[in-house]
C-alpha atoms as a PDB file:
ATOM      1  CA  UNK A   1       0.000   0.000   0.000  1.00  0.00           C
ATOM      2  CA  UNK A   2       1.254   3.453  -0.857  1.00  0.00           C
ATOM      3  CA  UNK A   3       1.780   5.100   2.522  1.00  0.00           C
ATOM      4  CA  UNK A   4       0.835   8.554   1.218  1.00  0.00           C
ATOM      5  CA  UNK A   5      -2.849   7.699   0.624  1.00  0.00           C
ATOM      6  CA  UNK A   6      -3.931  10.019   3.416  1.00  0.00           C
ATOM      7  CA  UNK A   7      -6.068  13.097   2.964  1.00  0.00           C
ATOM      8  CA  UNK A   8      -4.729  16.595   3.428  1.00  0.00           C
ATOM      9  CA  UNK A   9      -6.981  19.561   4.118  1.00  0.00           C
ATOM     10  CA  UNK A  10      -5.565  22.848   2.864  1.00  0.00           C
ATOM     11  CA  UNK A  11      -7.399  25.970   3.902  1.00  0.00           C
ATOM     12  CA  UNK A  12      -6.589  29.683   3.754  1.00  0.00           C
ATOM     13  CA  UNK A  13      -6.362  31.364   7.166  1.00  0.00           C
ATOM     14  CA  UNK A  14      -7.067  35.097   7.312  1.00  0.00           C
ATOM     15  CA  UNK A  15      -5.738  35.194  10.871  1.00  0.00           C
ATOM     16  CA  UNK A  16      -2.419  33.563   9.940  1.00  0.00           C
ATOM     17  CA  UNK A  17      -2.269  34.984   6.387  1.00  0.00           C
ATOM     18  CA  UNK A  18      -1.194  31.611   4.973  1.00  0.00           C
ATOM     19  CA  UNK A  19      -2.534  28.224   3.946  1.00  0.00           C
ATOM     20  CA  UNK A  20      -2.919  25.781   6.851  1.00  0.00           C
ATOM     21  CA  UNK A  21      -2.505  22.048   6.267  1.00  0.00           C
ATOM     22  CA  UNK A  22      -4.390  19.468   8.291  1.00  0.00           C
ATOM     23  CA  UNK A  23      -4.057  15.686   8.302  1.00  0.00           C
ATOM     24  CA  UNK A  24      -7.465  14.559   9.619  1.00  0.00           C
ATOM     25  CA  UNK A  25      -6.725  10.817   9.463  1.00  0.00           C
ATOM     26  CA  UNK A  26      -4.119  11.282  12.188  1.00  0.00           C
ATOM     27  CA  UNK A  27      -5.576  11.971  15.656  1.00  0.00           C
ATOM     28  CA  UNK A  28      -4.540  15.299  17.143  1.00  0.00           C
ATOM     29  CA  UNK A  29      -3.283  16.692  13.839  1.00  0.00           C
ATOM     30  CA  UNK A  30      -5.821  19.463  13.195  1.00  0.00           C
ATOM     31  CA  UNK A  31      -3.304  21.902  11.666  1.00  0.00           C
ATOM     32  CA  UNK A  32       0.041  20.220  11.148  1.00  0.00           C
ATOM     33  CA  UNK A  33       1.907  22.672   8.923  1.00  0.00           C
ATOM     34  CA  UNK A  34       1.389  25.665   6.644  1.00  0.00           C
ATOM     35  CA  UNK A  35       2.640  27.490   3.546  1.00  0.00           C
ATOM     36  CA  UNK A  36       2.578  31.012   2.181  1.00  0.00           C
ATOM     37  CA  UNK A  37       1.438  29.632  -1.195  1.00  0.00           C
ATOM     38  CA  UNK A  38      -0.813  26.695  -2.005  1.00  0.00           C
ATOM     39  CA  UNK A  39       2.087  24.897  -3.650  1.00  0.00           C
ATOM     40  CA  UNK A  40       4.298  25.347  -0.587  1.00  0.00           C
ATOM     41  CA  UNK A  41       1.472  24.138   1.658  1.00  0.00           C
ATOM     42  CA  UNK A  42       1.199  20.948  -0.432  1.00  0.00           C
ATOM     43  CA  UNK A  43       4.973  20.412  -0.278  1.00  0.00           C
ATOM     44  CA  UNK A  44       5.061  20.997   3.477  1.00  0.00           C
ATOM     45  CA  UNK A  45       2.007  18.778   3.944  1.00  0.00           C
ATOM     46  CA  UNK A  46       3.702  15.879   2.147  1.00  0.00           C
ATOM     47  CA  UNK A  47       6.835  16.350   4.272  1.00  0.00           C
ATOM     48  CA  UNK A  48       4.732  16.441   7.454  1.00  0.00           C
ATOM     49  CA  UNK A  49       2.885  13.292   6.388  1.00  0.00           C
ATOM     50  CA  UNK A  50       6.146  11.477   5.658  1.00  0.00           C
ATOM     51  CA  UNK A  51       7.501  12.549   9.064  1.00  0.00           C
ATOM     52  CA  UNK A  52       4.370  11.337  10.838  1.00  0.00           C
ATOM     53  CA  UNK A  53       4.602   7.942   9.134  1.00  0.00           C
ATOM     54  CA  UNK A  54       8.277   7.624  10.117  1.00  0.00           C
ATOM     55  CA  UNK A  55       7.427   8.572  13.724  1.00  0.00           C
ATOM     56  CA  UNK A  56       4.603   6.017  13.928  1.00  0.00           C
ATOM     57  CA  UNK A  57       6.826   3.289  12.491  1.00  0.00           C
ATOM     58  CA  UNK A  58       9.775   4.194  14.756  1.00  0.00           C
ATOM     59  CA  UNK A  59       7.749   3.485  17.892  1.00  0.00           C
ATOM     60  CA  UNK A  60       5.874   0.534  16.392  1.00  0.00           C
ATOM     61  CA  UNK A  61       2.462   2.198  16.301  1.00  0.00           C
ATOM     62  CA  UNK A  62       0.007   1.054  13.645  1.00  0.00           C
ATOM     63  CA  UNK A  63      -0.771   3.686  11.040  1.00  0.00           C
ATOM     64  CA  UNK A  64      -4.383   4.879  10.987  1.00  0.00           C
ATOM     65  CA  UNK A  65      -6.562   3.684   8.154  1.00  0.00           C
ATOM     66  CA  UNK A  66      -6.753   6.322   5.418  1.00  0.00           C
ATOM     67  CA  UNK A  67     -10.136   7.783   4.575  1.00  0.00           C
ATOM     68  CA  UNK A  68     -11.018   6.726   1.051  1.00  0.00           C
ATOM     69  CA  UNK A  69     -13.500   8.004  -1.474  1.00  0.00           C
ATOM     70  CA  UNK A  70     -15.423   5.376  -3.437  1.00  0.00           C
ATOM     71  CA  UNK A  71     -16.212   7.577  -6.420  1.00  0.00           C
ATOM     72  CA  UNK A  72     -17.568   6.039  -9.597  1.00  0.00           C
END
């Protein structure tokens, strides 16, 4: 299974004046990282996701099941 099949939520924040990145499949990860541009937010989100996966694996925790969309 491709370990990057997790959803990312990217949302503009007026308060922070940047895009916030959330990883809702991971408990306690409401806003994990950010970016000044959408592209940077995506890049930082992927790096944060990879780091989370490494951290889970390092301590032997099972990865959460990714939310999937069953679109036609």
